[in-house]
PDB file of N, CA and C in Angstrom:
ATOM      1  N   UNK A   1      -5.803 -14.448   7.724  1.00  0.00           N
ATOM      2  CA  UNK A   1      -5.466 -15.825   8.040  1.00  0.00           C
ATOM      3  C   UNK A   1      -5.069 -16.540   6.744  1.00  0.00           C
ATOM      4  N   UNK A   2      -3.991 -17.273   6.780  1.00  0.00           N
ATOM      5  CA  UNK A   2      -3.505 -17.942   5.581  1.00  0.00           C
ATOM      6  C   UNK A   2      -4.502 -18.952   5.013  1.00  0.00           C
ATOM      7  N   UNK A   3      -4.378 -19.174   3.720  1.00  0.00           N
ATOM      8  CA  UNK A   3      -5.118 -20.218   3.018  1.00  0.00           C
ATOM      9  C   UNK A   3      -4.063 -21.147   2.438  1.00  0.00           C
ATOM     10  N   UNK A   4      -4.104 -22.409   2.861  1.00  0.00           N
ATOM     11  CA  UNK A   4      -3.096 -23.373   2.422  1.00  0.00           C
ATOM     12  C   UNK A   4      -3.754 -24.707   2.128  1.00  0.00           C
ATOM     13  N   UNK A   5      -3.212 -25.410   1.137  1.00  0.00           N
ATOM     14  CA  UNK A   5      -3.656 -26.758   0.853  1.00  0.00           C
ATOM     15  C   UNK A   5      -4.251 -26.932  -0.526  1.00  0.00           C
ATOM     16  N   UNK A   6      -4.880 -28.085  -0.717  1.00  0.00           N
ATOM     17  CA  UNK A   6      -5.482 -28.441  -1.998  1.00  0.00           C
ATOM     18  C   UNK A   6      -6.764 -27.649  -2.222  1.00  0.00           C
ATOM     19  N   UNK A   7      -7.170 -27.561  -3.481  1.00  0.00           N
ATOM     20  CA  UNK A   7      -8.425 -26.912  -3.863  1.00  0.00           C
ATOM     21  C   UNK A   7      -9.273 -27.930  -4.624  1.00  0.00           C
ATOM     22  N   UNK A   8     -10.522 -27.595  -4.894  1.00  0.00           N
ATOM     23  CA  UNK A   8     -11.351 -28.510  -5.690  1.00  0.00           C
ATOM     24  C   UNK A   8     -10.840 -28.711  -7.122  1.00  0.00           C
ATOM     25  N   UNK A   9     -10.003 -27.813  -7.614  1.00  0.00           N
ATOM     26  CA  UNK A   9      -9.448 -27.944  -8.961  1.00  0.00           C
ATOM     27  C   UNK A   9      -8.212 -28.843  -8.932  1.00  0.00           C
ATOM     28  N   UNK A  10      -8.223 -29.863  -9.730  1.00  0.00           N
ATOM     29  CA  UNK A  10      -7.125 -30.824  -9.765  1.00  0.00           C
ATOM     30  C   UNK A  10      -5.793 -30.133 -10.055  1.00  0.00           C
ATOM     31  N   UNK A  11      -4.808 -30.373  -9.210  1.00  0.00           N
ATOM     32  CA  UNK A  11      -3.472 -29.830  -9.414  1.00  0.00           C
ATOM     33  C   UNK A  11      -3.262 -28.405  -8.942  1.00  0.00           C
ATOM     34  N   UNK A  12      -4.304 -27.784  -8.353  1.00  0.00           N
ATOM     35  CA  UNK A  12      -4.164 -26.416  -7.861  1.00  0.00           C
ATOM     36  C   UNK A  12      -4.082 -26.429  -6.339  1.00  0.00           C
ATOM     37  N   UNK A  13      -2.987 -25.913  -5.807  1.00  0.00           N
ATOM     38  CA  UNK A  13      -2.754 -25.841  -4.373  1.00  0.00           C
ATOM     39  C   UNK A  13      -2.501 -24.390  -4.000  1.00  0.00           C
ATOM     40  N   UNK A  14      -2.941 -23.995  -2.815  1.00  0.00           N
ATOM     41  CA  UNK A  14      -2.785 -22.609  -2.378  1.00  0.00           C
ATOM     42  C   UNK A  14      -1.837 -22.503  -1.192  1.00  0.00           C
ATOM     43  N   UNK A  15      -1.092 -21.416  -1.168  1.00  0.00           N
ATOM     44  CA  UNK A  15      -0.238 -21.057  -0.042  1.00  0.00           C
ATOM     45  C   UNK A  15      -0.168 -19.532  -0.061  1.00  0.00           C
ATOM     46  N   UNK A  16      -1.189 -18.889   0.469  1.00  0.00           N
ATOM     47  CA  UNK A  16      -1.333 -17.444   0.342  1.00  0.00           C
ATOM     48  C   UNK A  16      -1.961 -16.852   1.599  1.00  0.00           C
ATOM     49  N   UNK A  17      -1.982 -15.536   1.664  1.00  0.00           N
ATOM     50  CA  UNK A  17      -2.675 -14.859   2.751  1.00  0.00           C
ATOM     51  C   UNK A  17      -1.876 -14.705   4.030  1.00  0.00           C
ATOM     52  N   UNK A  18      -0.571 -14.774   3.942  1.00  0.00           N
ATOM     53  CA  UNK A  18       0.256 -14.667   5.138  1.00  0.00           C
ATOM     54  C   UNK A  18       0.512 -13.219   5.558  1.00  0.00           C
ATOM     55  N   UNK A  19       0.114 -12.281   4.716  1.00  0.00           N
ATOM     56  CA  UNK A  19       0.271 -10.865   5.050  1.00  0.00           C
ATOM     57  C   UNK A  19       1.710 -10.485   5.331  1.00  0.00           C
ATOM     58  N   UNK A  20       1.912  -9.679   6.363  1.00  0.00           N
ATOM     59  CA  UNK A  20       3.256  -9.197   6.690  1.00  0.00           C
ATOM     60  C   UNK A  20       4.159 -10.291   7.240  1.00  0.00           C
ATOM     61  N   UNK A  21       3.601 -11.457   7.537  1.00  0.00           N
ATOM     62  CA  UNK A  21       4.410 -12.576   8.027  1.00  0.00           C
ATOM     63  C   UNK A  21       4.823 -13.524   6.906  1.00  0.00           C
ATOM     64  N   UNK A  22       4.619 -13.113   5.661  1.00  0.00           N
ATOM     65  CA  UNK A  22       4.925 -13.974   4.519  1.00  0.00           C
ATOM     66  C   UNK A  22       6.329 -14.541   4.532  1.00  0.00           C
ATOM     67  N   UNK A  23       7.330 -13.691   4.691  1.00  0.00           N
ATOM     68  CA  UNK A  23       8.714 -14.169   4.712  1.00  0.00           C
ATOM     69  C   UNK A  23       8.997 -14.990   5.959  1.00  0.00           C
ATOM     70  N   UNK A  24       8.377 -14.633   7.060  1.00  0.00           N
ATOM     71  CA  UNK A  24       8.577 -15.362   8.311  1.00  0.00           C
ATOM     72  C   UNK A  24       8.036 -16.782   8.216  1.00  0.00           C
ATOM     73  N   UNK A  25       6.903 -16.936   7.564  1.00  0.00           N
ATOM     74  CA  UNK A  25       6.230 -18.232   7.505  1.00  0.00           C
ATOM     75  C   UNK A  25       6.547 -19.027   6.245  1.00  0.00           C
ATOM     76  N   UNK A  26       7.328 -18.467   5.330  1.00  0.00           N
ATOM     77  CA  UNK A  26       7.541 -19.072   4.017  1.00  0.00           C
ATOM     78  C   UNK A  26       8.076 -20.503   4.075  1.00  0.00           C
ATOM     79  N   UNK A  27       9.103 -20.753   4.838  1.00  0.00           N
ATOM     80  CA  UNK A  27       9.710 -22.091   4.867  1.00  0.00           C
ATOM     81  C   UNK A  27       8.769 -23.135   5.448  1.00  0.00           C
ATOM     82  N   UNK A  28       8.164 -22.825   6.564  1.00  0.00           N
ATOM     83  CA  UNK A  28       7.251 -23.778   7.197  1.00  0.00           C
ATOM     84  C   UNK A  28       6.013 -24.031   6.362  1.00  0.00           C
ATOM     85  N   UNK A  29       5.415 -22.961   5.844  1.00  0.00           N
ATOM     86  CA  UNK A  29       4.208 -23.100   5.033  1.00  0.00           C
ATOM     87  C   UNK A  29       4.519 -23.842   3.736  1.00  0.00           C
ATOM     88  N   UNK A  30       5.651 -23.549   3.143  1.00  0.00           N
ATOM     89  CA  UNK A  30       6.049 -24.245   1.924  1.00  0.00           C
ATOM     90  C   UNK A  30       6.239 -25.731   2.149  1.00  0.00           C
ATOM     91  N   UNK A  31       6.813 -26.077   3.270  1.00  0.00           N
ATOM     92  CA  UNK A  31       7.016 -27.495   3.589  1.00  0.00           C
ATOM     93  C   UNK A  31       5.687 -28.214   3.780  1.00  0.00           C
ATOM     94  N   UNK A  32       4.752 -27.567   4.468  1.00  0.00           N
ATOM     95  CA  UNK A  32       3.433 -28.167   4.701  1.00  0.00           C
ATOM     96  C   UNK A  32       2.712 -28.388   3.373  1.00  0.00           C
ATOM     97  N   UNK A  33       2.712 -27.375   2.511  1.00  0.00           N
ATOM     98  CA  UNK A  33       2.026 -27.504   1.222  1.00  0.00           C
ATOM     99  C   UNK A  33       2.743 -28.529   0.333  1.00  0.00           C
ATOM    100  N   UNK A  34       4.061 -28.597   0.397  1.00  0.00           N
ATOM    101  CA  UNK A  34       4.800 -29.612  -0.361  1.00  0.00           C
ATOM    102  C   UNK A  34       4.376 -31.011   0.070  1.00  0.00           C
ATOM    103  N   UNK A  35       4.200 -31.228   1.372  1.00  0.00           N
ATOM    104  CA  UNK A  35       3.719 -32.525   1.859  1.00  0.00           C
ATOM    105  C   UNK A  35       2.357 -32.855   1.257  1.00  0.00           C
ATOM    106  N   UNK A  36       1.460 -31.878   1.230  1.00  0.00           N
ATOM    107  CA  UNK A  36       0.125 -32.098   0.663  1.00  0.00           C
ATOM    108  C   UNK A  36       0.236 -32.453  -0.819  1.00  0.00           C
ATOM    109  N   UNK A  37       1.053 -31.725  -1.560  1.00  0.00           N
ATOM    110  CA  UNK A  37       1.229 -31.978  -2.992  1.00  0.00           C
ATOM    111  C   UNK A  37       1.768 -33.386  -3.232  1.00  0.00           C
ATOM    112  N   UNK A  38       2.680 -33.836  -2.380  1.00  0.00           N
ATOM    113  CA  UNK A  38       3.292 -35.157  -2.526  1.00  0.00           C
ATOM    114  C   UNK A  38       2.433 -36.281  -1.965  1.00  0.00           C
ATOM    115  N   UNK A  39       1.267 -35.939  -1.406  1.00  0.00           N
ATOM    116  CA  UNK A  39       0.375 -36.953  -0.851  1.00  0.00           C
ATOM    117  C   UNK A  39       0.803 -37.454   0.511  1.00  0.00           C
ATOM    118  N   UNK A  40       1.668 -36.719   1.181  1.00  0.00           N
ATOM    119  CA  UNK A  40       2.129 -37.090   2.519  1.00  0.00           C
ATOM    120  C   UNK A  40       1.319 -36.343   3.573  1.00  0.00           C
ATOM    121  N   UNK A  41       1.327 -36.846   4.781  1.00  0.00           N
ATOM    122  CA  UNK A  41       0.638 -36.178   5.875  1.00  0.00           C
ATOM    123  C   UNK A  41       1.527 -35.062   6.411  1.00  0.00           C
ATOM    124  N   UNK A  42       1.033 -33.804   6.385  1.00  0.00           N
ATOM    125  CA  UNK A  42       1.848 -32.703   6.911  1.00  0.00           C
ATOM    126  C   UNK A  42       2.043 -32.823   8.420  1.00  0.00           C
ATOM    127  N   UNK A  43       3.095 -32.196   8.925  1.00  0.00           N
ATOM    128  CA  UNK A  43       3.386 -32.233  10.358  1.00  0.00           C
ATOM    129  C   UNK A  43       2.345 -31.492  11.183  1.00  0.00           C
ATOM    130  N   UNK A  44       1.642 -30.550  10.574  1.00  0.00           N
ATOM    131  CA  UNK A  44       0.563 -29.848  11.274  1.00  0.00           C
ATOM    132  C   UNK A  44      -0.736 -30.067  10.508  1.00  0.00           C
ATOM    133  N   UNK A  45      -1.842 -30.050  11.223  1.00  0.00           N
ATOM    134  CA  UNK A  45      -3.152 -30.201  10.586  1.00  0.00           C
ATOM    135  C   UNK A  45      -3.522 -28.908   9.870  1.00  0.00           C
ATOM    136  N   UNK A  46      -4.093 -29.037   8.693  1.00  0.00           N
ATOM    137  CA  UNK A  46      -4.502 -27.863   7.931  1.00  0.00           C
ATOM    138  C   UNK A  46      -5.987 -27.551   8.111  1.00  0.00           C
ATOM    139  N   UNK A  47      -6.614 -28.165   9.095  1.00  0.00           N
ATOM    140  CA  UNK A  47      -8.023 -27.881   9.371  1.00  0.00           C
ATOM    141  C   UNK A  47      -8.196 -26.385   9.600  1.00  0.00           C
ATOM    142  N   UNK A  48      -9.126 -25.790   8.877  1.00  0.00           N
ATOM    143  CA  UNK A  48      -9.387 -24.369   9.034  1.00  0.00           C
ATOM    144  C   UNK A  48      -8.542 -23.468   8.156  1.00  0.00           C
ATOM    145  N   UNK A  49      -7.550 -24.029   7.457  1.00  0.00           N
ATOM    146  CA  UNK A  49      -6.697 -23.229   6.583  1.00  0.00           C
ATOM    147  C   UNK A  49      -7.060 -23.375   5.110  1.00  0.00           C
ATOM    148  N   UNK A  50      -8.009 -24.246   4.784  1.00  0.00           N
ATOM    149  CA  UNK A  50      -8.368 -24.501   3.391  1.00  0.00           C
ATOM    150  C   UNK A  50      -9.286 -23.451   2.797  1.00  0.00           C
ATOM    151  N   UNK A  51      -9.368 -23.453   1.478  1.00  0.00           N
ATOM    152  CA  UNK A  51     -10.216 -22.493   0.768  1.00  0.00           C
ATOM    153  C   UNK A  51     -11.693 -22.753   1.006  1.00  0.00           C
ATOM    154  N   UNK A  52     -12.048 -23.941   1.487  1.00  0.00           N
ATOM    155  CA  UNK A  52     -13.462 -24.273   1.707  1.00  0.00           C
ATOM    156  C   UNK A  52     -14.120 -23.387   2.759  1.00  0.00           C
ATOM    157  N   UNK A  53     -13.359 -22.732   3.584  1.00  0.00           N
ATOM    158  CA  UNK A  53     -13.965 -21.873   4.608  1.00  0.00           C
ATOM    159  C   UNK A  53     -14.604 -20.624   4.007  1.00  0.00           C
ATOM    160  N   UNK A  54     -14.353 -20.350   2.732  1.00  0.00           N
ATOM    161  CA  UNK A  54     -14.932 -19.186   2.065  1.00  0.00           C
ATOM    162  C   UNK A  54     -16.169 -19.525   1.243  1.00  0.00           C
ATOM    163  N   UNK A  55     -16.618 -20.760   1.290  1.00  0.00           N
ATOM    164  CA  UNK A  55     -17.808 -21.152   0.514  1.00  0.00           C
ATOM    165  C   UNK A  55     -19.054 -20.927   1.305  1.00  0.00           C
TER     166      UNK A  55
END
């Protein structure tokens, strides 16, 4: 399952874990993470995709 979004470290954002669907999901995932980086609300909720689920 992908990990996308901000991390506890300032300026570090993740967009990884797409596996064999990496190229398929690249444009959409990149757009979502770009929205997060720019402080905008992404078109989809990132609940459950953050790195916090591994703590």
